[in-house]
Protein backbone atom coordinates (compact mmCIF):
# COMPACT_ATOMS: atom_id res chain seq x y z
CA MET A 1 -176.85 -24.19 155.43
CA TYR A 2 -177.24 -26.23 158.65
CA PHE A 3 -177.07 -23.06 160.78
CA VAL A 4 -179.90 -21.42 158.85
CA LEU A 5 -182.14 -24.44 159.38
CA CYS A 6 -181.36 -24.44 163.10
CA VAL A 7 -182.35 -20.79 163.56
CA ARG A 8 -185.65 -21.36 161.83
CA ARG A 9 -186.46 -24.14 164.28
CA CYS A 10 -185.68 -22.08 167.38
CA GLN A 11 -188.97 -20.47 168.42
CA ASN A 12 -187.70 -18.51 171.46
CA PRO A 13 -184.03 -17.72 170.99
CA THR A 14 -182.29 -16.03 173.94
CA LYS A 15 -180.20 -12.88 173.65
CA LYS A 16 -177.09 -15.05 173.83
CA LEU A 17 -178.31 -17.19 170.98
CA ALA A 18 -179.12 -14.06 168.97
CA LEU A 19 -175.58 -12.79 169.51
CA HIS A 20 -174.19 -16.19 168.59
CA SER A 21 -176.41 -16.19 165.51
CA THR A 22 -175.10 -12.80 164.38
CA LYS A 23 -171.49 -13.89 164.77
CA SER A 24 -172.17 -17.17 163.04
CA ARG A 25 -173.96 -15.45 160.19
CA THR A 26 -170.97 -13.14 159.73
CA LYS A 27 -168.65 -16.14 159.69
CA LEU A 28 -170.93 -17.92 157.22
CA ILE A 29 -170.89 -14.94 154.87
CA SER A 30 -167.11 -14.79 155.11
CA VAL A 31 -166.84 -18.52 154.38
CA ARG A 32 -169.16 -18.19 151.41
CA ARG A 33 -167.11 -15.32 150.00
CA LEU A 34 -163.94 -17.35 150.46
CA LEU A 35 -165.50 -20.37 148.73
CA ASN A 36 -166.72 -18.19 145.86
CA LYS A 37 -163.20 -16.82 145.37
CA LEU A 38 -161.80 -20.35 145.54
CA PHE A 39 -164.26 -21.71 142.98
CA LEU A 40 -163.61 -18.70 140.71
CA SER A 41 -159.87 -19.32 140.90
CA ILE A 42 -160.36 -23.02 140.13
CA TYR A 43 -162.62 -22.17 137.18
CA ARG A 44 -160.13 -19.66 135.76
CA GLY A 45 -157.33 -22.14 136.20
CA ALA A 46 -159.30 -24.86 134.42
CA MET A 47 -160.09 -22.51 131.54
CA ALA A 48 -156.43 -21.51 131.27
CA ILE A 49 -155.44 -25.20 131.08
CA LEU A 50 -158.16 -25.84 128.50
CA ASN A 51 -156.85 -22.97 126.38
CA LEU A 52 -153.44 -24.61 126.25
CA PHE A 53 -154.90 -27.23 123.94
CA ILE A 54 -155.38 -26.48 120.28
CA LEU A 55 -158.81 -27.34 118.98
CA THR A 56 -158.10 -28.74 115.54
CA ALA A 57 -160.43 -29.36 112.69
CA LEU A 58 -158.47 -31.13 110.02
CA VAL A 59 -160.06 -33.76 107.86
CA SER A 60 -158.14 -36.52 109.62
CA CYS A 61 -155.20 -35.02 111.49
CA ASP A 62 -154.12 -32.33 113.92
CA ALA A 63 -152.76 -28.85 113.40
CA THR A 64 -150.68 -26.85 115.85
CA VAL A 65 -150.47 -23.08 115.73
CA ALA A 66 -150.01 -21.18 119.00
CA LEU A 67 -150.46 -17.51 119.80
CA ASN A 68 -147.77 -15.92 121.98
CA GLY A 69 -149.15 -15.84 125.53
CA THR A 70 -152.12 -18.14 124.87
CA SER A 71 -153.16 -20.95 122.57
CA PRO A 72 -156.09 -20.06 120.33
CA LYS A 73 -158.13 -22.39 118.21
CA VAL A 74 -156.91 -23.47 114.78
CA VAL A 75 -159.52 -24.26 112.10
CA ASN A 76 -158.53 -25.39 108.69
CA SER A 77 -160.97 -28.02 107.65
CA PRO A 78 -164.02 -28.20 105.45
CA ASN A 79 -165.59 -30.12 108.33
CA ALA A 80 -164.94 -27.57 111.06
CA THR A 81 -167.89 -27.54 113.45
CA ILE A 82 -167.74 -24.06 114.95
CA SER A 83 -167.26 -21.59 112.10
CA GLN A 84 -167.15 -22.24 108.37
CA HIS A 85 -167.33 -18.94 106.58
CA ILE A 86 -165.93 -15.65 105.40
CA VAL A 87 -166.61 -13.07 108.09
CA GLY A 88 -167.28 -9.39 107.40
CA GLY A 89 -167.51 -9.67 103.61
CA GLY A 90 -170.33 -9.66 101.06
CA ASP A 91 -171.68 -11.38 97.97
CA ALA A 92 -168.94 -11.85 95.38
CA GLY A 93 -169.24 -10.68 91.80
CA PRO A 94 -168.06 -12.83 88.88
CA THR A 95 -165.19 -15.00 90.11
CA PRO A 96 -164.72 -17.44 87.22
CA TYR A 97 -161.61 -19.10 88.66
CA HIS A 98 -163.19 -20.08 91.99
CA VAL A 99 -164.52 -23.66 92.21
CA SER A 100 -166.06 -25.96 94.79
CA LEU A 101 -164.32 -29.28 95.46
CA GLN A 102 -167.14 -31.60 96.46
CA LYS A 103 -167.70 -34.93 98.15
CA ARG A 104 -171.40 -35.38 98.78
CA GLY A 105 -171.60 -31.60 99.00
CA HIS A 106 -169.15 -28.72 99.31
CA LEU A 107 -165.84 -29.76 100.83
CA CYS A 108 -163.29 -27.04 100.00
CA GLY A 109 -162.71 -24.12 97.73
CA GLY A 110 -160.15 -24.13 94.97
CA ALA A 111 -158.79 -22.06 92.09
CA ILE A 112 -158.55 -23.01 88.42
CA ILE A 113 -154.94 -22.50 87.33
CA ASP A 114 -154.85 -24.59 84.14
CA GLN A 115 -157.15 -26.41 81.72
CA LYS A 116 -156.96 -29.53 83.88
CA TRP A 117 -155.81 -28.34 87.31
CA ILE A 118 -157.11 -26.60 90.39
CA LEU A 119 -155.04 -25.37 93.32
CA VAL A 120 -156.25 -26.35 96.82
CA ALA A 121 -154.99 -26.90 100.36
CA ALA A 122 -153.34 -30.25 101.07
CA HIS A 123 -155.54 -30.88 104.11
CA CYS A 124 -158.59 -30.90 101.82
CA LEU A 125 -157.21 -34.03 100.14
CA THR A 126 -156.33 -36.10 103.21
CA ASN A 127 -157.73 -39.62 102.83
CA GLY A 128 -159.46 -38.47 99.66
CA ASN A 129 -160.54 -40.73 96.82
CA PRO A 130 -160.72 -39.10 93.37
CA ASN A 131 -163.59 -41.41 92.43
CA GLU A 132 -165.69 -39.87 95.22
CA MET A 133 -164.98 -36.22 94.36
CA THR A 134 -166.14 -33.73 91.76
CA VAL A 135 -165.34 -30.12 90.92
CA LEU A 136 -168.17 -27.62 90.47
CA ALA A 137 -167.12 -24.66 88.28
CA GLY A 138 -168.80 -21.73 86.56
CA THR A 139 -171.21 -20.65 89.28
CA ASN A 140 -171.35 -18.45 92.37
CA ARG A 141 -174.18 -20.58 93.75
CA LEU A 142 -173.76 -24.00 95.30
CA SER A 143 -177.40 -24.88 94.69
CA ARG A 144 -177.67 -24.28 90.96
CA GLY A 145 -175.81 -23.58 87.74
CA GLY A 146 -172.28 -24.39 86.75
CA ARG A 147 -170.62 -27.46 85.30
CA ARG A 148 -169.49 -30.51 87.20
CA PHE A 149 -166.22 -32.28 86.41
CA LYS A 150 -164.97 -35.68 87.54
CA VAL A 151 -161.61 -35.90 89.28
CA SER A 152 -158.72 -38.04 88.10
CA LYS A 153 -155.92 -37.23 90.59
CA LEU A 154 -155.39 -35.75 94.04
CA ILE A 155 -151.85 -34.59 94.82
CA GLN A 156 -150.71 -33.35 98.21
CA HIS A 157 -147.36 -31.61 98.57
CA PRO A 158 -144.88 -34.37 99.50
CA GLN A 159 -143.67 -32.45 102.57
CA TYR A 160 -147.10 -31.53 103.86
CA ASP A 161 -147.03 -31.62 107.68
CA SER A 162 -150.40 -31.39 109.36
CA LYS A 163 -148.89 -31.07 112.85
CA ARG A 164 -146.97 -27.93 111.99
CA VAL A 165 -149.38 -26.76 109.27
CA ILE A 166 -146.63 -26.36 106.68
CA ASN A 167 -146.63 -27.11 102.94
CA ASP A 168 -150.42 -27.13 103.10
CA ILE A 169 -150.92 -27.01 99.38
CA GLY A 170 -152.19 -29.50 96.82
CA LEU A 171 -153.42 -30.00 93.28
CA VAL A 172 -156.51 -31.63 91.83
CA LYS A 173 -156.55 -32.86 88.24
CA ILE A 174 -159.87 -33.23 86.49
CA GLN A 175 -160.88 -35.66 83.78
CA GLY A 176 -160.98 -33.88 80.43
CA SER A 177 -160.53 -30.12 80.54
CA PHE A 178 -162.47 -27.09 81.73
CA GLY A 179 -162.96 -25.25 78.46
CA TRP A 180 -162.89 -21.50 78.91
CA ILE A 181 -166.10 -19.50 78.99
CA PRO A 182 -165.38 -15.76 79.43
CA LYS A 183 -166.38 -14.48 82.88
CA VAL A 184 -167.84 -17.91 83.72
CA ILE A 185 -164.98 -20.43 83.71
CA GLU A 186 -161.49 -18.98 83.49
CA LYS A 187 -158.10 -19.65 85.02
CA ILE A 188 -156.18 -17.32 87.30
CA GLY A 189 -152.43 -16.83 87.22
CA ILE A 190 -150.19 -18.19 89.97
CA SER A 191 -147.90 -15.76 91.71
CA LYS A 192 -144.19 -16.15 91.07
CA SER A 193 -143.13 -13.05 92.99
CA PHE A 194 -142.91 -12.62 96.76
CA VAL A 195 -145.76 -10.47 98.09
CA ASN A 196 -144.76 -8.00 100.79
CA GLY A 197 -146.81 -6.76 103.70
CA GLY A 198 -149.26 -3.95 103.02
CA GLN A 199 -150.65 -5.31 99.76
CA GLU A 200 -154.42 -5.62 99.47
CA ALA A 201 -155.92 -8.94 98.40
CA ILE A 202 -159.34 -10.53 97.98
CA ALA A 203 -160.36 -13.88 99.43
CA THR A 204 -163.47 -15.78 98.37
CA GLY A 205 -165.43 -18.69 99.76
CA TRP A 206 -168.84 -20.14 100.52
CA GLY A 207 -170.03 -19.73 104.09
CA GLY A 208 -172.08 -17.88 106.68
CA MET A 209 -171.20 -14.46 107.98
CA ARG A 210 -170.91 -14.80 111.77
CA GLN A 211 -167.80 -15.18 113.92
CA ASN A 212 -169.37 -17.96 115.98
CA GLY A 213 -170.58 -20.09 113.11
CA GLY A 214 -173.73 -20.57 111.12
CA PRO A 215 -174.82 -22.39 107.98
CA MET A 216 -172.72 -22.07 104.86
CA SER A 217 -173.86 -19.48 102.36
CA ASP A 218 -175.27 -20.65 99.06
CA LYS A 219 -173.75 -17.52 97.48
CA LEU A 220 -170.01 -17.07 97.05
CA GLN A 221 -168.70 -14.50 99.53
CA PHE A 222 -165.68 -12.19 99.29
CA VAL A 223 -163.68 -10.08 101.72
CA ARG A 224 -160.91 -7.55 101.19
CA LEU A 225 -157.87 -8.33 103.33
CA ARG A 226 -154.43 -6.84 103.85
CA VAL A 227 -151.24 -8.89 103.71
CA ILE A 228 -148.96 -8.47 106.72
CA SER A 229 -145.22 -9.12 106.76
CA GLU A 230 -143.74 -12.42 107.86
CA ASP A 231 -142.24 -10.73 110.94
CA GLN A 232 -145.61 -9.25 111.89
CA CYS A 233 -147.23 -12.67 111.58
CA LYS A 234 -144.46 -14.33 113.60
CA ALA A 235 -145.01 -11.80 116.37
CA LYS A 236 -148.55 -13.16 116.74
CA LEU A 237 -148.22 -16.82 115.83
CA ASN A 238 -145.74 -19.64 116.16
CA ASN A 239 -144.82 -22.07 113.35
CA ILE A 240 -144.82 -19.38 110.67
CA GLY A 241 -142.26 -19.82 107.90
CA ALA A 242 -141.36 -18.95 104.33
CA GLY A 243 -144.24 -21.07 103.00
CA HIS A 244 -146.86 -18.96 104.77
CA ILE A 245 -148.49 -15.66 103.91
CA CYS A 246 -150.69 -13.98 106.53
CA THR A 247 -153.45 -11.40 106.41
CA LEU A 248 -154.89 -9.22 109.14
CA THR A 249 -157.26 -6.32 108.60
CA LYS A 250 -159.38 -5.95 111.73
CA GLU A 251 -161.50 -7.99 114.09
CA GLY A 252 -164.68 -9.10 112.39
CA GLU A 253 -163.11 -9.58 108.95
CA GLY A 254 -161.40 -12.78 107.85
CA MET A 255 -161.62 -16.39 106.85
CA CYS A 256 -162.95 -19.53 108.49
CA GLY A 257 -162.83 -23.31 108.17
CA GLY A 258 -165.33 -23.88 105.37
CA ASP A 259 -163.28 -21.56 103.17
CA SER A 260 -160.34 -23.97 103.25
CA GLY A 261 -158.42 -24.35 100.01
CA GLY A 262 -159.87 -21.21 98.48
CA PRO A 263 -157.76 -18.53 96.81
CA LEU A 264 -156.31 -15.28 98.10
CA ALA A 265 -155.98 -13.19 94.95
CA SER A 266 -154.22 -9.95 94.11
CA LYS A 267 -153.37 -8.20 90.83
CA GLY A 268 -154.72 -11.04 88.71
CA ASN A 269 -152.83 -13.83 90.47
CA VAL A 270 -153.56 -16.24 93.29
CA ILE A 271 -151.01 -15.40 95.99
CA GLY A 272 -152.26 -17.67 98.77
CA VAL A 273 -154.31 -20.80 99.51
CA ILE A 274 -156.46 -20.71 102.64
CA SER A 275 -154.80 -22.97 105.20
CA PHE A 276 -155.67 -22.09 108.81
CA VAL A 277 -157.57 -19.64 110.93
CA VAL A 278 -156.94 -18.71 114.57
CA GLY A 279 -159.64 -17.69 117.03
CA TYR A 280 -161.20 -18.08 120.46
CA PRO A 281 -164.10 -20.55 120.54
CA PRO A 282 -167.00 -20.59 120.89
CA ASN A 283 -167.91 -16.94 120.29
CA LYS A 284 -164.92 -15.82 118.24
CA GLY A 285 -163.77 -18.91 116.42
CA CYS A 286 -162.79 -16.80 113.42
CA ALA A 287 -162.06 -13.18 112.52
CA ALA A 288 -160.98 -12.64 116.12
CA GLY A 289 -158.44 -9.93 115.35
CA LEU A 290 -155.64 -12.46 114.76
CA PRO A 291 -153.84 -13.32 111.49
CA ASP A 292 -155.31 -15.76 109.00
CA GLY A 293 -152.81 -18.20 107.49
CA PHE A 294 -152.41 -19.07 103.81
CA SER A 295 -149.90 -21.15 101.88
CA ARG A 296 -147.71 -18.70 99.97
CA VAL A 297 -148.09 -19.64 96.29
CA SER A 298 -144.82 -18.08 95.11
CA HIS A 299 -142.95 -20.37 97.50
CA TYR A 300 -144.45 -23.39 95.72
CA TYR A 301 -144.34 -22.04 92.16
CA ASP A 302 -141.62 -24.44 91.01
CA TRP A 303 -143.34 -27.44 92.61
CA ILE A 304 -146.60 -26.58 90.87
CA LYS A 305 -144.96 -26.23 87.46
CA GLU A 306 -142.93 -29.40 87.95
CA THR A 307 -146.08 -31.32 88.87
CA PHE A 308 -147.76 -30.07 85.67
CA ARG A 309 -144.87 -31.42 83.60
CA ARG A 310 -144.66 -34.73 85.46
CA GLU A 311 -148.36 -35.50 85.48
């Protein structure tokens, strides 16, 4: 920069100065190119370091799921700030078992599995107070319709581990009972059998429809997903175990944070509870062509039934 200013001030440069100027300009260009490469290397290095950290969005704790070769974002909270939606789906038809767990507005999805119980993700209940929560059932719209029920108990799985995102399953007990209304308020069965890879399933939730975020949808959304095997999921993600079930269809289709706790259903049973989503923020926080993680319901069948009997 100093050299450029000097040349502009020289009104009658000699031939020697002109030659010196040419050489200096060449050197300056070379230096600039070198600096550009250096800054680019520093930037890439900084981004690589940044990507080693997992951006978590739990209600009050951290989650850790890493992709082999890099560390993508994990979103599994109703309060996730980047993406809270089903991506690549459409408006759902009658889904009488799907409910909204609310605390001053929609917090998590859930599934009615008994006259008094809904199945949710454990992280939806962290630091929760039943006196501050309600369950909205019998509607596909958050803004109107349905019946609202008070909550009496919140139960997280006793071995829920937010750091490793395992045993992310919970139960909510309402005051009174739902009372069945055909095609409006109904229960869904809970899977007792292990679901293998290749099976098609449907996930539902309230949210926008963009990979990089957006406002939640007032209308319940659905997306058709395909279950992948445990080995296929482990090849993509760390911390996957017997309590997980993963889906992967294609980039642009999948779950996101605001869908937390909602059901993954197949053949009349809920087979999974939405637990975590992996993506690359900010543009592909969800449905980034990586597996979505659910709590495998069959793995927790006995715990669910035992909790019914005990409570």
